[in-house]
Amino acid sequence: MGWLEFTVIIVCGLLGFIVVNAVIDGRRAKAEGQQKNDGAKKANGDPENDEDAAQTRHDRQHRTEDKESPPRSWWEALNVDQDASPEQIKSAFRKEISKYHPDRVEGLGIELRELADRMAKDVNRAYTLAKQLRNFK
């Protein structure tokens, strides 16, 4: 390899580094700017932003209420037979509730966390109902 090829390779490598570095710095600056804007809006207590956030929560809540199905029976929620023993019910409860534990779903999006919360409440309701009907602790 001659000195000309070597020089071309070095120059192209340096130009590539400069271009990639500029793109990364631009994205980083944009992200930091958005974080500062979000922080400033929260600090100012922007009423429009509060109203928009409240409207979004309200819309999301109504959307999920529309999609809700009729309540399931306790044995369907716990995935056991209707005549399951108390030990089977306890075991099924522990298995089902562990699926929706907040530590397991914390990395998911807000919709999935809300769904997991509803499912956990459904499983808790089913277990409480099973304990009342079967008279066990």
C-alpha atoms as a PDB file:
ATOM      1  CA  MET A   1       0.000   0.000   0.000  1.00  0.00           C
ATOM      2  CA  GLY A   2       1.401   3.334  -1.012  1.00  0.00           C
ATOM      3  CA  TRP A   3       1.408   6.572   0.916  1.00  0.00           C
ATOM      4  CA  LEU A   4      -1.502   7.921  -1.188  1.00  0.00           C
ATOM      5  CA  GLU A   5      -3.877   5.063  -0.279  1.00  0.00           C
ATOM      6  CA  PHE A   6      -2.824   5.278   3.342  1.00  0.00           C
ATOM      7  CA  THR A   7      -3.516   9.025   3.414  1.00  0.00           C
ATOM      8  CA  VAL A   8      -6.933   8.582   1.781  1.00  0.00           C
ATOM      9  CA  ILE A   9      -7.911   5.939   4.377  1.00  0.00           C
ATOM     10  CA  ILE A  10      -6.814   8.149   7.287  1.00  0.00           C
ATOM     11  CA  VAL A  11      -8.619  11.221   5.914  1.00  0.00           C
ATOM     12  CA  CYS A  12     -11.843   9.260   5.297  1.00  0.00           C
ATOM     13  CA  GLY A  13     -11.691   7.797   8.789  1.00  0.00           C
ATOM     14  CA  LEU A  14     -11.271  11.236  10.338  1.00  0.00           C
ATOM     15  CA  LEU A  15     -14.124  12.699   8.269  1.00  0.00           C
ATOM     16  CA  GLY A  16     -16.378   9.809   9.268  1.00  0.00           C
ATOM     17  CA  PHE A  17     -15.511  10.348  12.916  1.00  0.00           C
ATOM     18  CA  ILE A  18     -16.279  14.057  12.662  1.00  0.00           C
ATOM     19  CA  VAL A  19     -19.632  13.474  10.941  1.00  0.00           C
ATOM     20  CA  VAL A  20     -20.752  10.779  13.410  1.00  0.00           C
ATOM     21  CA  ASN A  21     -19.641  12.916  16.359  1.00  0.00           C
ATOM     22  CA  ALA A  22     -21.612  15.908  15.040  1.00  0.00           C
ATOM     23  CA  VAL A  23     -24.766  13.801  14.628  1.00  0.00           C
ATOM     24  CA  ILE A  24     -24.481  12.386  18.147  1.00  0.00           C
ATOM     25  CA  ASP A  25     -23.866  15.843  19.650  1.00  0.00           C
ATOM     26  CA  GLY A  26     -26.891  17.228  17.790  1.00  0.00           C
ATOM     27  CA  ARG A  27     -29.159  14.478  19.089  1.00  0.00           C
ATOM     28  CA  ARG A  28     -27.817  14.877  22.623  1.00  0.00           C
ATOM     29  CA  ALA A  29     -28.406  18.661  22.542  1.00  0.00           C
ATOM     30  CA  LYS A  30     -31.939  18.126  21.229  1.00  0.00           C
ATOM     31  CA  ALA A  31     -32.723  15.636  24.000  1.00  0.00           C
ATOM     32  CA  GLU A  32     -31.307  17.937  26.686  1.00  0.00           C
ATOM     33  CA  GLY A  33     -33.319  20.845  25.290  1.00  0.00           C
ATOM     34  CA  GLN A  34     -36.526  18.819  25.455  1.00  0.00           C
ATOM     35  CA  GLN A  35     -35.789  17.809  29.049  1.00  0.00           C
ATOM     36  CA  LYS A  36     -35.200  21.443  29.999  1.00  0.00           C
ATOM     37  CA  ASN A  37     -38.446  22.500  28.300  1.00  0.00           C
ATOM     38  CA  ASP A  38     -40.383  19.755  30.066  1.00  0.00           C
ATOM     39  CA  GLY A  39     -38.838  20.726  33.394  1.00  0.00           C
ATOM     40  CA  ALA A  40     -39.653  24.403  32.837  1.00  0.00           C
ATOM     41  CA  LYS A  41     -43.276  23.605  31.968  1.00  0.00           C
ATOM     42  CA  LYS A  42     -43.660  21.507  35.108  1.00  0.00           C
ATOM     43  CA  ALA A  43     -42.019  24.184  37.249  1.00  0.00           C
ATOM     44  CA  ASN A  44     -44.219  26.930  35.810  1.00  0.00           C
ATOM     45  CA  GLY A  45     -47.357  24.890  36.347  1.00  0.00           C
ATOM     46  CA  ASP A  46     -48.510  25.600  32.801  1.00  0.00           C
ATOM     47  CA  PRO A  47     -52.343  25.431  33.027  1.00  0.00           C
ATOM     48  CA  GLU A  48     -52.703  24.442  29.376  1.00  0.00           C
ATOM     49  CA  ASN A  49     -50.296  21.553  29.870  1.00  0.00           C
ATOM     50  CA  ASP A  50     -52.141  20.475  33.043  1.00  0.00           C
ATOM     51  CA  GLU A  51     -55.466  20.570  31.204  1.00  0.00           C
ATOM     52  CA  ASP A  52     -54.028  18.582  28.292  1.00  0.00           C
ATOM     53  CA  ALA A  53     -52.592  15.981  30.645  1.00  0.00           C
ATOM     54  CA  ALA A  54     -55.881  15.723  32.532  1.00  0.00           C
ATOM     55  CA  GLN A  55     -57.802  15.362  29.267  1.00  0.00           C
ATOM     56  CA  THR A  56     -55.405  12.653  28.082  1.00  0.00           C
ATOM     57  CA  ARG A  57     -55.820  10.711  31.336  1.00  0.00           C
ATOM     58  CA  HIS A  58     -59.583  11.139  31.112  1.00  0.00           C
ATOM     59  CA  ASP A  59     -59.651   9.894  27.501  1.00  0.00           C
ATOM     60  CA  ARG A  60     -57.428   6.929  28.313  1.00  0.00           C
ATOM     61  CA  GLN A  61     -59.609   5.982  31.285  1.00  0.00           C
ATOM     62  CA  HIS A  62     -62.790   6.103  29.193  1.00  0.00           C
ATOM     63  CA  ARG A  63     -61.140   4.118  26.407  1.00  0.00           C
ATOM     64  CA  THR A  64     -60.184   1.353  28.831  1.00  0.00           C
ATOM     65  CA  GLU A  65     -63.617   1.405  30.471  1.00  0.00           C
ATOM     66  CA  ASP A  66     -65.230   0.895  27.073  1.00  0.00           C
ATOM     67  CA  LYS A  67     -63.047  -2.133  26.395  1.00  0.00           C
ATOM     68  CA  GLU A  68     -63.640  -3.833  29.732  1.00  0.00           C
ATOM     69  CA  SER A  69     -65.343  -7.167  29.495  1.00  0.00           C
ATOM     70  CA  PRO A  70     -67.848  -8.466  32.006  1.00  0.00           C
ATOM     71  CA  PRO A  71     -66.280  -9.683  35.247  1.00  0.00           C
ATOM     72  CA  ARG A  72     -64.907 -13.205  35.111  1.00  0.00           C
ATOM     73  CA  SER A  73     -65.762 -15.829  37.672  1.00  0.00           C
ATOM     74  CA  TRP A  74     -63.185 -16.350  40.393  1.00  0.00           C
ATOM     75  CA  TRP A  75     -62.019 -19.726  39.094  1.00  0.00           C
ATOM     76  CA  GLU A  76     -61.459 -18.323  35.603  1.00  0.00           C
ATOM     77  CA  ALA A  77     -59.441 -15.404  36.973  1.00  0.00           C
ATOM     78  CA  LEU A  78     -57.268 -17.806  38.989  1.00  0.00           C
ATOM     79  CA  ASN A  79     -57.099 -20.455  36.233  1.00  0.00           C
ATOM     80  CA  VAL A  80     -58.329 -23.299  38.438  1.00  0.00           C
ATOM     81  CA  ASP A  81     -61.253 -25.687  38.382  1.00  0.00           C
ATOM     82  CA  GLN A  82     -64.417 -24.606  40.127  1.00  0.00           C
ATOM     83  CA  ASP A  83     -63.985 -27.398  42.695  1.00  0.00           C
ATOM     84  CA  ALA A  84     -60.260 -26.769  43.339  1.00  0.00           C
ATOM     85  CA  SER A  85     -58.843 -27.349  46.803  1.00  0.00           C
ATOM     86  CA  PRO A  86     -57.742 -24.418  48.992  1.00  0.00           C
ATOM     87  CA  GLU A  87     -54.083 -25.340  48.386  1.00  0.00           C
ATOM     88  CA  GLN A  88     -54.611 -25.276  44.625  1.00  0.00           C
ATOM     89  CA  ILE A  89     -56.391 -21.927  44.892  1.00  0.00           C
ATOM     90  CA  LYS A  90     -53.566 -20.426  46.987  1.00  0.00           C
ATOM     91  CA  SER A  91     -50.951 -21.755  44.589  1.00  0.00           C
ATOM     92  CA  ALA A  92     -52.832 -20.436  41.544  1.00  0.00           C
ATOM     93  CA  PHE A  93     -53.276 -17.047  43.238  1.00  0.00           C
ATOM     94  CA  ARG A  94     -49.553 -16.748  43.935  1.00  0.00           C
ATOM     95  CA  LYS A  95     -48.731 -17.752  40.367  1.00  0.00           C
ATOM     96  CA  GLU A  96     -51.223 -15.319  38.788  1.00  0.00           C
ATOM     97  CA  ILE A  97     -50.458 -12.360  41.043  1.00  0.00           C
ATOM     98  CA  SER A  98     -46.718 -12.732  40.411  1.00  0.00           C
ATOM     99  CA  LYS A  99     -47.356 -12.116  36.699  1.00  0.00           C
ATOM    100  CA  TYR A 100     -48.699  -8.630  37.410  1.00  0.00           C
ATOM    101  CA  HIS A 101     -46.370  -7.528  40.218  1.00  0.00           C
ATOM    102  CA  PRO A 102     -45.246  -3.889  39.797  1.00  0.00           C
ATOM    103  CA  ASP A 103     -41.573  -4.899  39.819  1.00  0.00           C
ATOM    104  CA  ARG A 104     -42.149  -7.183  36.829  1.00  0.00           C
ATOM    105  CA  VAL A 105     -43.995  -4.607  34.730  1.00  0.00           C
ATOM    106  CA  GLU A 106     -42.143  -1.411  35.661  1.00  0.00           C
ATOM    107  CA  GLY A 107     -40.165  -1.318  32.419  1.00  0.00           C
ATOM    108  CA  LEU A 108     -43.267  -1.546  30.248  1.00  0.00           C
ATOM    109  CA  GLY A 109     -45.309   1.317  28.840  1.00  0.00           C
ATOM    110  CA  ILE A 110     -47.968   3.080  30.875  1.00  0.00           C
ATOM    111  CA  GLU A 111     -50.841   1.275  29.133  1.00  0.00           C
ATOM    112  CA  LEU A 112     -49.375  -2.125  29.952  1.00  0.00           C
ATOM    113  CA  ARG A 113     -48.703  -1.101  33.551  1.00  0.00           C
ATOM    114  CA  GLU A 114     -52.319   0.032  33.882  1.00  0.00           C
ATOM    115  CA  LEU A 115     -53.492  -3.256  32.369  1.00  0.00           C
ATOM    116  CA  ALA A 116     -51.304  -5.205  34.802  1.00  0.00           C
ATOM    117  CA  ASP A 117     -52.747  -3.166  37.682  1.00  0.00           C
ATOM    118  CA  ARG A 118     -56.309  -3.977  36.583  1.00  0.00           C
ATOM    119  CA  MET A 119     -55.448  -7.652  36.174  1.00  0.00           C
ATOM    120  CA  ALA A 120     -53.838  -7.739  39.634  1.00  0.00           C
ATOM    121  CA  LYS A 121     -56.977  -6.194  41.126  1.00  0.00           C
ATOM    122  CA  ASP A 122     -59.077  -8.780  39.296  1.00  0.00           C
ATOM    123  CA  VAL A 123     -56.925 -11.637  40.645  1.00  0.00           C
ATOM    124  CA  ASN A 124     -57.094 -10.189  44.184  1.00  0.00           C
ATOM    125  CA  ARG A 125     -60.871  -9.856  43.903  1.00  0.00           C
ATOM    126  CA  ALA A 126     -61.159 -13.437  42.695  1.00  0.00           C
ATOM    127  CA  TYR A 127     -58.973 -14.770  45.520  1.00  0.00           C
ATOM    128  CA  THR A 128     -60.910 -12.832  48.152  1.00  0.00           C
ATOM    129  CA  LEU A 129     -64.183 -14.155  46.741  1.00  0.00           C
ATOM    130  CA  ALA A 130     -62.844 -17.724  46.674  1.00  0.00           C
ATOM    131  CA  LYS A 131     -61.735 -17.437  50.312  1.00  0.00           C
ATOM    132  CA  GLN A 132     -65.170 -16.171  51.334  1.00  0.00           C
ATOM    133  CA  LEU A 133     -67.028 -18.858  49.418  1.00  0.00           C
ATOM    134  CA  ARG A 134     -64.747 -21.685  50.508  1.00  0.00           C
ATOM    135  CA  ASN A 135     -64.282 -20.459  54.111  1.00  0.00           C
ATOM    136  CA  PHE A 136     -60.513 -20.697  54.284  1.00  0.00           C
ATOM    137  CA  LYS A 137     -57.788 -18.265  55.220  1.00  0.00           C
END
